[in-house]
Amino acid sequence: MTEQRRVVVVTSLGKMFKGLVDIPNATFRTTDLFNSSNIYWRDPGEKCFENAILFRDAQLLIGGSSICVTFDKVQIKLSEIIYFYDDQQAITDDKEKMRATTMIQKTREQLQSVDIITTEVANSFYHLTGSFFGLFKKKSGDKFIPLTKVKMTEIYNKEGKWFQRQVELPHKFIGVSTGHIEAMKIRDM
């Protein structure tokens, strides 16, 4: 039997998809799934796009809580995802710290702090701060970068005026799309 994990992806201002994604086993990190050159599909015959991930029992939410559409299955292009998070607190932050500790011992690199500005999509962009464990230069070639202790502010334009709002994340862990990073600053902690 294929394992599944609940994942949330954000594609633009106020638009998010929640659903179950297939994973090869329960210990597989969501970040590794999203960065894989061959995204895992239980049934590869269901693929319409090579660069997509299949969500089952999915919902499209507008404004974070209002269910707009439900799907038994929906494919979401990875290139449209700005960031994602999952419901696996033990697999995300703690697992990432364990992996990073090993990487730090091998490479002698320290924990880094990042400050990121995303590209503007639909009159909105994000300002993120967080911690990164491991080799940022190596990871910048990946599709998604894992960040912990994330604080996120959404900056959006409404009727010609700019506003800000804090984005609440359940576990302070996200995978942010490298394709949506416009500017960033890295510093050792």
N, C-alpha and C. Protein backbone atom coordinates (compact mmCIF):
# COMPACT_ATOMS: atom_id res chain seq x y z
N MET A 1 0.83 -1.18 0.00
CA MET A 1 0.00 0.00 0.00
C MET A 1 0.88 1.25 0.00
N THR A 2 0.51 2.22 -0.80
CA THR A 2 1.24 3.48 -0.90
C THR A 2 0.89 4.38 0.28
N GLU A 3 1.90 5.01 0.84
CA GLU A 3 1.70 5.97 1.92
C GLU A 3 1.22 7.29 1.33
N GLN A 4 0.53 8.08 2.15
CA GLN A 4 0.10 9.41 1.74
C GLN A 4 0.42 10.40 2.84
N ARG A 5 0.59 11.66 2.45
CA ARG A 5 0.87 12.73 3.40
C ARG A 5 0.03 13.94 3.03
N ARG A 6 -0.53 14.61 4.02
CA ARG A 6 -1.29 15.84 3.77
C ARG A 6 -0.31 16.99 3.54
N VAL A 7 -0.50 17.70 2.43
CA VAL A 7 0.38 18.80 2.04
C VAL A 7 -0.46 19.99 1.65
N VAL A 8 0.07 21.18 1.90
CA VAL A 8 -0.56 22.43 1.49
C VAL A 8 0.43 23.14 0.57
N VAL A 9 -0.05 23.60 -0.59
CA VAL A 9 0.78 24.40 -1.48
C VAL A 9 0.09 25.73 -1.74
N VAL A 10 0.89 26.78 -1.87
CA VAL A 10 0.38 28.11 -2.17
C VAL A 10 0.89 28.49 -3.55
N THR A 11 -0.05 28.93 -4.42
CA THR A 11 0.32 29.27 -5.79
C THR A 11 0.19 30.75 -6.10
N SER A 12 -0.61 31.49 -5.37
CA SER A 12 -0.72 32.94 -5.57
C SER A 12 -1.49 33.55 -4.41
N LEU A 13 -1.68 34.86 -4.48
CA LEU A 13 -2.34 35.60 -3.42
C LEU A 13 -3.64 34.93 -2.99
N GLY A 14 -3.67 34.45 -1.75
CA GLY A 14 -4.87 33.89 -1.18
C GLY A 14 -5.33 32.56 -1.76
N LYS A 15 -4.55 31.95 -2.64
CA LYS A 15 -4.97 30.71 -3.28
C LYS A 15 -4.07 29.56 -2.84
N MET A 16 -4.67 28.55 -2.20
CA MET A 16 -3.90 27.40 -1.77
C MET A 16 -4.66 26.11 -2.04
N PHE A 17 -3.90 25.05 -2.24
CA PHE A 17 -4.45 23.72 -2.42
C PHE A 17 -4.04 22.88 -1.22
N LYS A 18 -5.00 22.12 -0.67
CA LYS A 18 -4.72 21.17 0.40
C LYS A 18 -5.15 19.80 -0.10
N GLY A 19 -4.34 18.79 0.19
CA GLY A 19 -4.71 17.45 -0.23
C GLY A 19 -3.68 16.43 0.19
N LEU A 20 -3.89 15.20 -0.25
CA LEU A 20 -2.98 14.09 0.04
C LEU A 20 -2.10 13.82 -1.16
N VAL A 21 -0.79 13.66 -0.92
CA VAL A 21 0.12 13.27 -1.99
C VAL A 21 0.66 11.88 -1.68
N ASP A 22 0.91 11.11 -2.72
CA ASP A 22 1.48 9.78 -2.56
C ASP A 22 2.98 9.91 -2.29
N ILE A 23 3.47 9.11 -1.35
CA ILE A 23 4.91 9.07 -1.07
C ILE A 23 5.34 7.60 -1.05
N PRO A 24 6.59 7.32 -1.42
CA PRO A 24 7.02 5.92 -1.49
C PRO A 24 7.04 5.21 -0.14
N ASN A 25 7.35 5.96 0.96
CA ASN A 25 7.32 5.38 2.30
C ASN A 25 7.19 6.50 3.32
N ALA A 26 6.84 6.14 4.53
CA ALA A 26 6.51 7.12 5.57
C ALA A 26 7.70 7.98 6.01
N THR A 27 8.93 7.52 5.78
CA THR A 27 10.09 8.30 6.20
C THR A 27 10.60 9.23 5.12
N PHE A 28 10.01 9.20 3.95
CA PHE A 28 10.44 10.05 2.83
C PHE A 28 10.08 11.49 3.12
N ARG A 29 11.06 12.40 3.04
CA ARG A 29 10.83 13.81 3.32
C ARG A 29 10.03 14.46 2.19
N THR A 30 9.11 15.32 2.54
CA THR A 30 8.31 16.03 1.56
C THR A 30 9.22 16.88 0.65
N THR A 31 10.24 17.49 1.23
CA THR A 31 11.19 18.28 0.44
C THR A 31 11.85 17.42 -0.63
N ASP A 32 12.24 16.20 -0.28
CA ASP A 32 12.86 15.30 -1.26
C ASP A 32 11.87 14.93 -2.36
N LEU A 33 10.62 14.74 -2.01
CA LEU A 33 9.59 14.43 -3.00
C LEU A 33 9.47 15.58 -4.01
N PHE A 34 9.36 16.80 -3.51
CA PHE A 34 9.19 17.96 -4.39
C PHE A 34 10.45 18.25 -5.21
N ASN A 35 11.63 17.89 -4.71
CA ASN A 35 12.89 18.14 -5.43
C ASN A 35 13.29 16.99 -6.34
N SER A 36 12.60 15.89 -6.27
CA SER A 36 12.96 14.73 -7.07
C SER A 36 12.86 15.03 -8.56
N SER A 37 13.82 14.50 -9.32
CA SER A 37 13.76 14.67 -10.78
C SER A 37 12.65 13.81 -11.36
N ASN A 38 12.23 12.82 -10.61
CA ASN A 38 11.14 11.93 -11.01
C ASN A 38 10.11 11.90 -9.89
N ILE A 39 9.15 12.82 -9.89
CA ILE A 39 8.14 12.88 -8.83
C ILE A 39 7.43 11.54 -8.73
N TYR A 40 7.29 11.03 -7.51
CA TYR A 40 6.65 9.73 -7.29
C TYR A 40 5.16 9.80 -7.61
N TRP A 41 4.70 8.88 -8.44
CA TRP A 41 3.28 8.71 -8.74
C TRP A 41 2.94 7.24 -8.55
N ARG A 42 1.89 6.98 -7.81
CA ARG A 42 1.43 5.61 -7.61
C ARG A 42 1.11 4.98 -8.97
N ASP A 43 0.43 5.73 -9.82
CA ASP A 43 0.09 5.28 -11.17
C ASP A 43 0.59 6.31 -12.18
N PRO A 44 1.77 6.11 -12.76
CA PRO A 44 2.33 7.08 -13.70
C PRO A 44 1.43 7.34 -14.91
N GLY A 45 0.51 6.45 -15.20
CA GLY A 45 -0.41 6.63 -16.31
C GLY A 45 -1.38 7.80 -16.09
N GLU A 46 -1.49 8.28 -14.86
CA GLU A 46 -2.39 9.40 -14.56
C GLU A 46 -1.78 10.77 -14.91
N LYS A 47 -0.47 10.81 -15.18
CA LYS A 47 0.22 12.08 -15.43
C LYS A 47 -0.26 12.75 -16.71
N CYS A 48 -0.54 14.04 -16.61
CA CYS A 48 -0.77 14.88 -17.78
C CYS A 48 0.44 15.76 -18.03
N PHE A 49 1.11 16.17 -16.95
CA PHE A 49 2.28 17.03 -17.02
C PHE A 49 3.46 16.30 -16.38
N GLU A 50 4.64 16.43 -16.97
CA GLU A 50 5.84 15.81 -16.39
C GLU A 50 6.28 16.53 -15.13
N ASN A 51 5.99 17.81 -15.02
CA ASN A 51 6.46 18.62 -13.89
C ASN A 51 5.33 18.91 -12.92
N ALA A 52 4.54 17.90 -12.60
CA ALA A 52 3.38 18.11 -11.71
C ALA A 52 3.38 17.07 -10.59
N ILE A 53 2.62 17.39 -9.56
CA ILE A 53 2.41 16.47 -8.45
C ILE A 53 0.90 16.24 -8.32
N LEU A 54 0.52 15.02 -8.03
CA LEU A 54 -0.90 14.66 -7.94
C LEU A 54 -1.39 14.79 -6.50
N PHE A 55 -2.45 15.55 -6.32
CA PHE A 55 -3.11 15.67 -5.02
C PHE A 55 -4.40 14.87 -5.08
N ARG A 56 -4.68 14.11 -4.04
CA ARG A 56 -5.93 13.35 -3.92
C ARG A 56 -6.76 14.00 -2.81
N ASP A 57 -8.08 13.84 -2.90
CA ASP A 57 -8.99 14.44 -1.91
C ASP A 57 -8.58 15.89 -1.63
N ALA A 58 -8.47 16.66 -2.70
CA ALA A 58 -7.92 18.01 -2.62
C ALA A 58 -9.01 19.07 -2.55
N GLN A 59 -8.61 20.20 -2.00
CA GLN A 59 -9.48 21.37 -1.92
C GLN A 59 -8.69 22.58 -2.40
N LEU A 60 -9.36 23.44 -3.14
CA LEU A 60 -8.82 24.74 -3.49
C LEU A 60 -9.45 25.72 -2.53
N LEU A 61 -8.60 26.39 -1.74
CA LEU A 61 -9.09 27.35 -0.75
C LEU A 61 -8.71 28.76 -1.17
N ILE A 62 -9.63 29.67 -0.98
CA ILE A 62 -9.39 31.08 -1.25
C ILE A 62 -9.39 31.80 0.10
N GLY A 63 -8.40 32.64 0.31
CA GLY A 63 -8.32 33.38 1.56
C GLY A 63 -7.98 32.52 2.76
N GLY A 64 -7.44 31.32 2.53
CA GLY A 64 -6.98 30.47 3.62
C GLY A 64 -8.02 29.56 4.24
N SER A 65 -9.31 29.84 4.04
CA SER A 65 -10.30 28.99 4.72
C SER A 65 -11.54 28.70 3.89
N SER A 66 -11.83 29.49 2.92
CA SER A 66 -13.05 29.32 2.13
C SER A 66 -12.84 28.30 1.02
N ILE A 67 -13.52 27.16 1.10
CA ILE A 67 -13.37 26.12 0.08
C ILE A 67 -14.10 26.56 -1.18
N CYS A 68 -13.33 26.67 -2.25
CA CYS A 68 -13.86 27.13 -3.53
C CYS A 68 -14.26 25.94 -4.40
N VAL A 69 -13.37 24.94 -4.48
CA VAL A 69 -13.59 23.76 -5.32
C VAL A 69 -12.99 22.56 -4.61
N THR A 70 -13.61 21.40 -4.75
CA THR A 70 -13.02 20.15 -4.25
C THR A 70 -12.75 19.24 -5.44
N PHE A 71 -11.70 18.43 -5.32
CA PHE A 71 -11.30 17.52 -6.38
C PHE A 71 -11.03 16.15 -5.78
N ASP A 72 -11.42 15.09 -6.47
CA ASP A 72 -10.98 13.77 -6.02
C ASP A 72 -9.50 13.61 -6.38
N LYS A 73 -9.08 14.19 -7.53
CA LYS A 73 -7.67 14.23 -7.93
C LYS A 73 -7.45 15.52 -8.70
N VAL A 74 -6.28 16.13 -8.51
CA VAL A 74 -5.90 17.32 -9.28
C VAL A 74 -4.37 17.34 -9.38
N GLN A 75 -3.89 17.69 -10.58
CA GLN A 75 -2.46 17.82 -10.80
C GLN A 75 -2.07 19.28 -10.70
N ILE A 76 -1.01 19.55 -9.94
CA ILE A 76 -0.54 20.92 -9.75
C ILE A 76 0.89 20.99 -10.29
N LYS A 77 1.11 21.92 -11.20
CA LYS A 77 2.45 22.10 -11.77
C LYS A 77 3.40 22.62 -10.70
N LEU A 78 4.56 21.99 -10.56
CA LEU A 78 5.54 22.42 -9.56
C LEU A 78 6.00 23.85 -9.81
N SER A 79 6.07 24.26 -11.07
CA SER A 79 6.54 25.61 -11.39
C SER A 79 5.59 26.70 -10.90
N GLU A 80 4.35 26.34 -10.57
CA GLU A 80 3.37 27.31 -10.09
C GLU A 80 3.35 27.43 -8.57
N ILE A 81 4.04 26.53 -7.89
CA ILE A 81 4.03 26.50 -6.42
C ILE A 81 5.06 27.50 -5.88
N ILE A 82 4.62 28.43 -5.05
CA ILE A 82 5.52 29.39 -4.42
C ILE A 82 6.15 28.75 -3.18
N TYR A 83 5.33 28.12 -2.34
CA TYR A 83 5.86 27.40 -1.19
C TYR A 83 4.90 26.30 -0.80
N PHE A 84 5.40 25.36 0.01
CA PHE A 84 4.57 24.27 0.51
C PHE A 84 4.93 24.00 1.96
N TYR A 85 4.00 23.34 2.65
CA TYR A 85 4.30 22.78 3.97
C TYR A 85 3.44 21.54 4.13
N ASP A 86 3.83 20.71 5.08
CA ASP A 86 3.06 19.48 5.30
C ASP A 86 2.59 19.42 6.74
N ASP A 87 1.94 18.30 7.08
CA ASP A 87 1.42 18.15 8.44
C ASP A 87 2.30 17.23 9.28
N GLN A 88 3.53 16.99 8.82
CA GLN A 88 4.41 16.05 9.50
C GLN A 88 5.46 16.79 10.32
N GLN A 89 5.09 17.25 11.49
CA GLN A 89 6.02 18.02 12.30
C GLN A 89 7.31 17.25 12.57
N ALA A 90 7.22 15.96 12.85
CA ALA A 90 8.41 15.17 13.16
C ALA A 90 9.31 14.96 11.94
N ILE A 91 8.74 14.91 10.76
CA ILE A 91 9.55 14.67 9.57
C ILE A 91 10.17 15.96 9.06
N THR A 92 9.54 17.09 9.28
CA THR A 92 10.06 18.33 8.72
C THR A 92 11.19 18.90 9.55
N ASP A 93 10.89 19.66 10.53
CA ASP A 93 11.90 20.42 11.26
C ASP A 93 12.93 19.52 11.94
N ASP A 94 12.51 18.56 12.74
CA ASP A 94 13.45 17.71 13.47
C ASP A 94 14.31 16.87 12.53
N LYS A 95 13.69 16.29 11.52
CA LYS A 95 14.42 15.46 10.56
C LYS A 95 15.43 16.32 9.79
N GLU A 96 15.02 17.51 9.42
CA GLU A 96 15.91 18.43 8.70
C GLU A 96 17.10 18.81 9.58
N LYS A 97 16.87 19.02 10.87
CA LYS A 97 17.96 19.37 11.78
C LYS A 97 18.96 18.22 11.90
N MET A 98 18.45 16.97 11.98
CA MET A 98 19.33 15.80 12.07
C MET A 98 20.18 15.67 10.81
N ARG A 99 19.56 15.82 9.65
CA ARG A 99 20.28 15.74 8.38
C ARG A 99 21.32 16.85 8.30
N ALA A 100 20.93 18.05 8.72
CA ALA A 100 21.82 19.20 8.65
C ALA A 100 23.01 19.04 9.59
N THR A 101 22.79 18.46 10.76
CA THR A 101 23.89 18.25 11.69
C THR A 101 24.97 17.39 11.05
N THR A 102 24.56 16.35 10.35
CA THR A 102 25.51 15.49 9.64
C THR A 102 26.24 16.27 8.56
N MET A 103 25.49 17.08 7.80
CA MET A 103 26.09 17.90 6.74
C MET A 103 27.09 18.91 7.32
N ILE A 104 26.73 19.53 8.42
CA ILE A 104 27.60 20.54 9.05
C ILE A 104 28.90 19.89 9.52
N GLN A 105 28.80 18.69 10.09
CA GLN A 105 30.01 17.99 10.54
C GLN A 105 30.91 17.66 9.36
N LYS A 106 30.33 17.28 8.23
CA LYS A 106 31.13 16.93 7.04
C LYS A 106 31.74 18.17 6.39
N THR A 107 30.99 19.24 6.31
CA THR A 107 31.43 20.42 5.54
C THR A 107 31.97 21.55 6.40
N ARG A 108 31.76 21.49 7.69
CA ARG A 108 32.17 22.53 8.64
C ARG A 108 31.39 23.83 8.47
N GLU A 109 30.26 23.79 7.77
CA GLU A 109 29.43 24.98 7.63
C GLU A 109 28.52 25.11 8.83
N GLN A 110 28.14 26.34 9.12
CA GLN A 110 27.28 26.62 10.27
C GLN A 110 25.85 26.89 9.83
N LEU A 111 24.97 26.91 10.79
CA LEU A 111 23.58 27.27 10.56
C LEU A 111 23.53 28.67 9.95
N GLN A 112 22.70 28.83 8.94
CA GLN A 112 22.60 30.12 8.27
C GLN A 112 21.20 30.69 8.41
N SER A 113 21.15 32.00 8.44
CA SER A 113 19.88 32.71 8.47
C SER A 113 19.66 33.28 7.08
N VAL A 114 18.41 33.22 6.60
CA VAL A 114 18.11 33.76 5.27
C VAL A 114 16.97 34.77 5.36
N ASP A 115 17.04 35.71 4.48
CA ASP A 115 16.03 36.75 4.32
C ASP A 115 15.68 36.73 2.84
N ILE A 116 14.43 36.41 2.49
CA ILE A 116 14.04 36.20 1.09
C ILE A 116 12.88 37.10 0.71
N ILE A 117 12.95 37.63 -0.50
CA ILE A 117 11.84 38.34 -1.13
C ILE A 117 11.47 37.52 -2.36
N THR A 118 10.20 37.15 -2.47
CA THR A 118 9.76 36.37 -3.63
C THR A 118 9.36 37.30 -4.77
N THR A 119 9.21 36.71 -5.94
CA THR A 119 8.72 37.48 -7.08
C THR A 119 7.25 37.84 -6.84
N GLU A 120 6.80 38.86 -7.51
CA GLU A 120 5.41 39.29 -7.36
C GLU A 120 4.52 38.43 -8.25
N VAL A 121 3.46 37.91 -7.67
CA VAL A 121 2.46 37.12 -8.39
C VAL A 121 1.10 37.67 -7.99
N ALA A 122 0.31 38.06 -8.97
CA ALA A 122 -1.04 38.58 -8.72
C ALA A 122 -1.05 39.70 -7.67
N ASN A 123 -0.18 40.69 -7.86
CA ASN A 123 -0.09 41.84 -6.97
C ASN A 123 0.26 41.48 -5.53
N SER A 124 1.05 40.42 -5.36
CA SER A 124 1.42 39.97 -4.03
C SER A 124 2.83 39.38 -4.07
N PHE A 125 3.57 39.57 -2.99
CA PHE A 125 4.85 38.87 -2.83
C PHE A 125 5.05 38.60 -1.35
N TYR A 126 6.05 37.78 -1.04
CA TYR A 126 6.31 37.39 0.34
C TYR A 126 7.69 37.84 0.78
N HIS A 127 7.79 38.21 2.04
CA HIS A 127 9.06 38.46 2.71
C HIS A 127 9.19 37.37 3.76
N LEU A 128 10.22 36.53 3.63
CA LEU A 128 10.43 35.41 4.53
C LEU A 128 11.76 35.55 5.24
N THR A 129 11.78 35.19 6.51
CA THR A 129 13.03 35.02 7.23
C THR A 129 12.99 33.62 7.83
N GLY A 130 14.15 33.01 7.95
CA GLY A 130 14.19 31.67 8.50
C GLY A 130 15.61 31.16 8.60
N SER A 131 15.74 29.90 8.96
CA SER A 131 17.04 29.26 9.10
C SER A 131 17.17 28.18 8.05
N PHE A 132 18.40 28.01 7.62
CA PHE A 132 18.69 26.99 6.64
C PHE A 132 19.83 26.14 7.16
N PHE A 133 19.68 24.84 7.07
CA PHE A 133 20.71 23.91 7.51
C PHE A 133 21.37 23.29 6.28
N GLY A 134 22.70 23.33 6.22
CA GLY A 134 23.39 22.66 5.13
C GLY A 134 24.04 23.60 4.15
N LEU A 135 24.19 23.14 2.92
CA LEU A 135 24.90 23.87 1.87
C LEU A 135 23.92 24.64 1.00
N PHE A 136 23.77 25.92 1.26
CA PHE A 136 22.79 26.70 0.51
C PHE A 136 23.16 26.78 -0.97
N LYS A 137 24.43 26.94 -1.27
CA LYS A 137 24.84 27.04 -2.67
C LYS A 137 24.46 25.78 -3.44
N LYS A 138 24.65 24.62 -2.84
CA LYS A 138 24.26 23.36 -3.49
C LYS A 138 22.74 23.29 -3.65
N LYS A 139 22.02 23.66 -2.60
CA LYS A 139 20.56 23.56 -2.62
C LYS A 139 19.91 24.56 -3.57
N SER A 140 20.62 25.66 -3.90
CA SER A 140 20.01 26.66 -4.78
C SER A 140 19.73 26.10 -6.17
N GLY A 141 20.34 24.96 -6.50
CA GLY A 141 20.04 24.29 -7.76
C GLY A 141 18.80 23.42 -7.69
N ASP A 142 18.27 23.20 -6.49
CA ASP A 142 17.05 22.41 -6.32
C ASP A 142 15.82 23.25 -6.66
N LYS A 143 14.68 22.58 -6.78
CA LYS A 143 13.42 23.29 -7.05
C LYS A 143 12.89 23.98 -5.80
N PHE A 144 13.10 23.35 -4.64
CA PHE A 144 12.58 23.88 -3.37
C PHE A 144 13.67 23.81 -2.30
N ILE A 145 13.74 24.85 -1.49
CA ILE A 145 14.73 24.93 -0.42
C ILE A 145 13.99 24.81 0.92
N PRO A 146 14.44 23.88 1.79
CA PRO A 146 13.79 23.73 3.10
C PRO A 146 14.24 24.81 4.08
N LEU A 147 13.29 25.51 4.67
CA LEU A 147 13.59 26.52 5.68
C LEU A 147 12.86 26.18 6.97
N THR A 148 13.52 26.42 8.10
CA THR A 148 12.89 26.22 9.40
C THR A 148 12.80 27.56 10.12
N LYS A 149 12.02 27.58 11.19
CA LYS A 149 11.81 28.79 11.99
C LYS A 149 11.39 29.97 11.11
N VAL A 150 10.50 29.68 10.19
CA VAL A 150 10.10 30.68 9.20
C VAL A 150 9.11 31.69 9.78
N LYS A 151 9.37 32.94 9.47
CA LYS A 151 8.42 34.03 9.69
C LYS A 151 8.12 34.58 8.31
N MET A 152 6.83 34.70 8.00
CA MET A 152 6.44 35.10 6.66
C MET A 152 5.45 36.25 6.70
N THR A 153 5.72 37.24 5.86
CA THR A 153 4.82 38.36 5.69
C THR A 153 4.40 38.41 4.24
N GLU A 154 3.11 38.47 4.01
CA GLU A 154 2.59 38.66 2.66
C GLU A 154 2.39 40.16 2.45
N ILE A 155 2.90 40.66 1.35
CA ILE A 155 2.75 42.07 1.00
C ILE A 155 1.93 42.11 -0.27
N TYR A 156 0.80 42.81 -0.23
CA TYR A 156 -0.12 42.77 -1.37
C TYR A 156 -0.69 44.16 -1.66
N ASN A 157 -1.07 44.32 -2.92
CA ASN A 157 -1.64 45.58 -3.38
C ASN A 157 -3.14 45.40 -3.58
N LYS A 158 -3.90 46.27 -2.95
CA LYS A 158 -5.36 46.22 -3.07
C LYS A 158 -5.84 47.64 -3.32
N GLU A 159 -6.49 47.82 -4.45
CA GLU A 159 -7.03 49.13 -4.82
C GLU A 159 -5.97 50.23 -4.77
N GLY A 160 -4.78 49.91 -5.27
CA GLY A 160 -3.71 50.89 -5.37
C GLY A 160 -2.93 51.15 -4.11
N LYS A 161 -3.23 50.45 -3.03
CA LYS A 161 -2.50 50.62 -1.76
C LYS A 161 -1.85 49.31 -1.37
N TRP A 162 -0.66 49.40 -0.75
CA TRP A 162 0.06 48.21 -0.31
C TRP A 162 -0.26 47.91 1.15
N PHE A 163 -0.47 46.63 1.43
CA PHE A 163 -0.78 46.16 2.78
C PHE A 163 0.14 45.00 3.13
N GLN A 164 0.25 44.70 4.42
CA GLN A 164 1.03 43.56 4.90
C GLN A 164 0.19 42.74 5.86
N ARG A 165 0.43 41.43 5.85
CA ARG A 165 -0.20 40.57 6.84
C ARG A 165 0.75 39.42 7.15
N GLN A 166 0.79 39.04 8.42
CA GLN A 166 1.60 37.90 8.84
C GLN A 166 0.91 36.62 8.40
N VAL A 167 1.67 35.68 7.89
CA VAL A 167 1.15 34.38 7.47
C VAL A 167 1.48 33.39 8.57
N GLU A 168 0.46 32.75 9.11
CA GLU A 168 0.64 31.75 10.17
C GLU A 168 0.93 30.39 9.55
N LEU A 169 2.01 29.75 9.99
CA LEU A 169 2.38 28.43 9.52
C LEU A 169 2.28 27.45 10.69
N PRO A 170 1.78 26.24 10.46
CA PRO A 170 1.56 25.32 11.57
C PRO A 170 2.83 24.84 12.27
N HIS A 171 3.92 24.64 11.52
CA HIS A 171 5.13 24.07 12.13
C HIS A 171 6.37 24.92 11.90
N LYS A 172 6.23 26.10 11.35
CA LYS A 172 7.37 27.00 11.08
C LYS A 172 8.38 26.39 10.13
N PHE A 173 7.91 25.46 9.28
CA PHE A 173 8.76 24.84 8.26
C PHE A 173 8.06 24.99 6.92
N ILE A 174 8.83 25.37 5.88
CA ILE A 174 8.28 25.37 4.53
C ILE A 174 9.37 24.96 3.55
N GLY A 175 8.94 24.59 2.36
CA GLY A 175 9.83 24.44 1.22
C GLY A 175 9.49 25.61 0.31
N VAL A 176 10.46 26.47 0.01
CA VAL A 176 10.20 27.64 -0.83
C VAL A 176 10.80 27.40 -2.21
N SER A 177 10.04 27.75 -3.23
CA SER A 177 10.46 27.54 -4.62
C SER A 177 11.62 28.46 -4.98
N THR A 178 12.71 27.88 -5.48
CA THR A 178 13.84 28.69 -5.93
C THR A 178 13.46 29.51 -7.16
N GLY A 179 12.48 29.04 -7.92
CA GLY A 179 12.02 29.77 -9.10
C GLY A 179 11.25 31.03 -8.77
N HIS A 180 10.83 31.18 -7.51
CA HIS A 180 10.08 32.36 -7.09
C HIS A 180 10.89 33.29 -6.18
N ILE A 181 12.18 32.99 -6.00
CA ILE A 181 13.03 33.88 -5.19
C ILE A 181 13.57 34.98 -6.08
N GLU A 182 13.27 36.21 -5.70
CA GLU A 182 13.75 37.38 -6.45
C GLU A 182 15.04 37.93 -5.84
N ALA A 183 15.10 37.97 -4.52
CA ALA A 183 16.27 38.50 -3.82
C ALA A 183 16.43 37.79 -2.49
N MET A 184 17.67 37.70 -2.02
CA MET A 184 17.89 37.08 -0.73
C MET A 184 19.20 37.52 -0.11
N LYS A 185 19.26 37.38 1.20
CA LYS A 185 20.46 37.66 1.97
C LYS A 185 20.71 36.46 2.85
N ILE A 186 21.97 36.01 2.91
CA ILE A 186 22.35 34.87 3.76
C ILE A 186 23.37 35.37 4.77
N ARG A 187 23.24 34.92 6.01
CA ARG A 187 24.24 35.26 7.02
C ARG A 187 24.38 34.10 7.99
N ASP A 188 25.60 33.92 8.49
CA ASP A 188 25.85 32.89 9.49
C ASP A 188 25.22 33.30 10.81
N MET A 189 24.77 32.32 11.55
CA MET A 189 24.14 32.61 12.85
C MET A 189 25.14 32.39 13.97
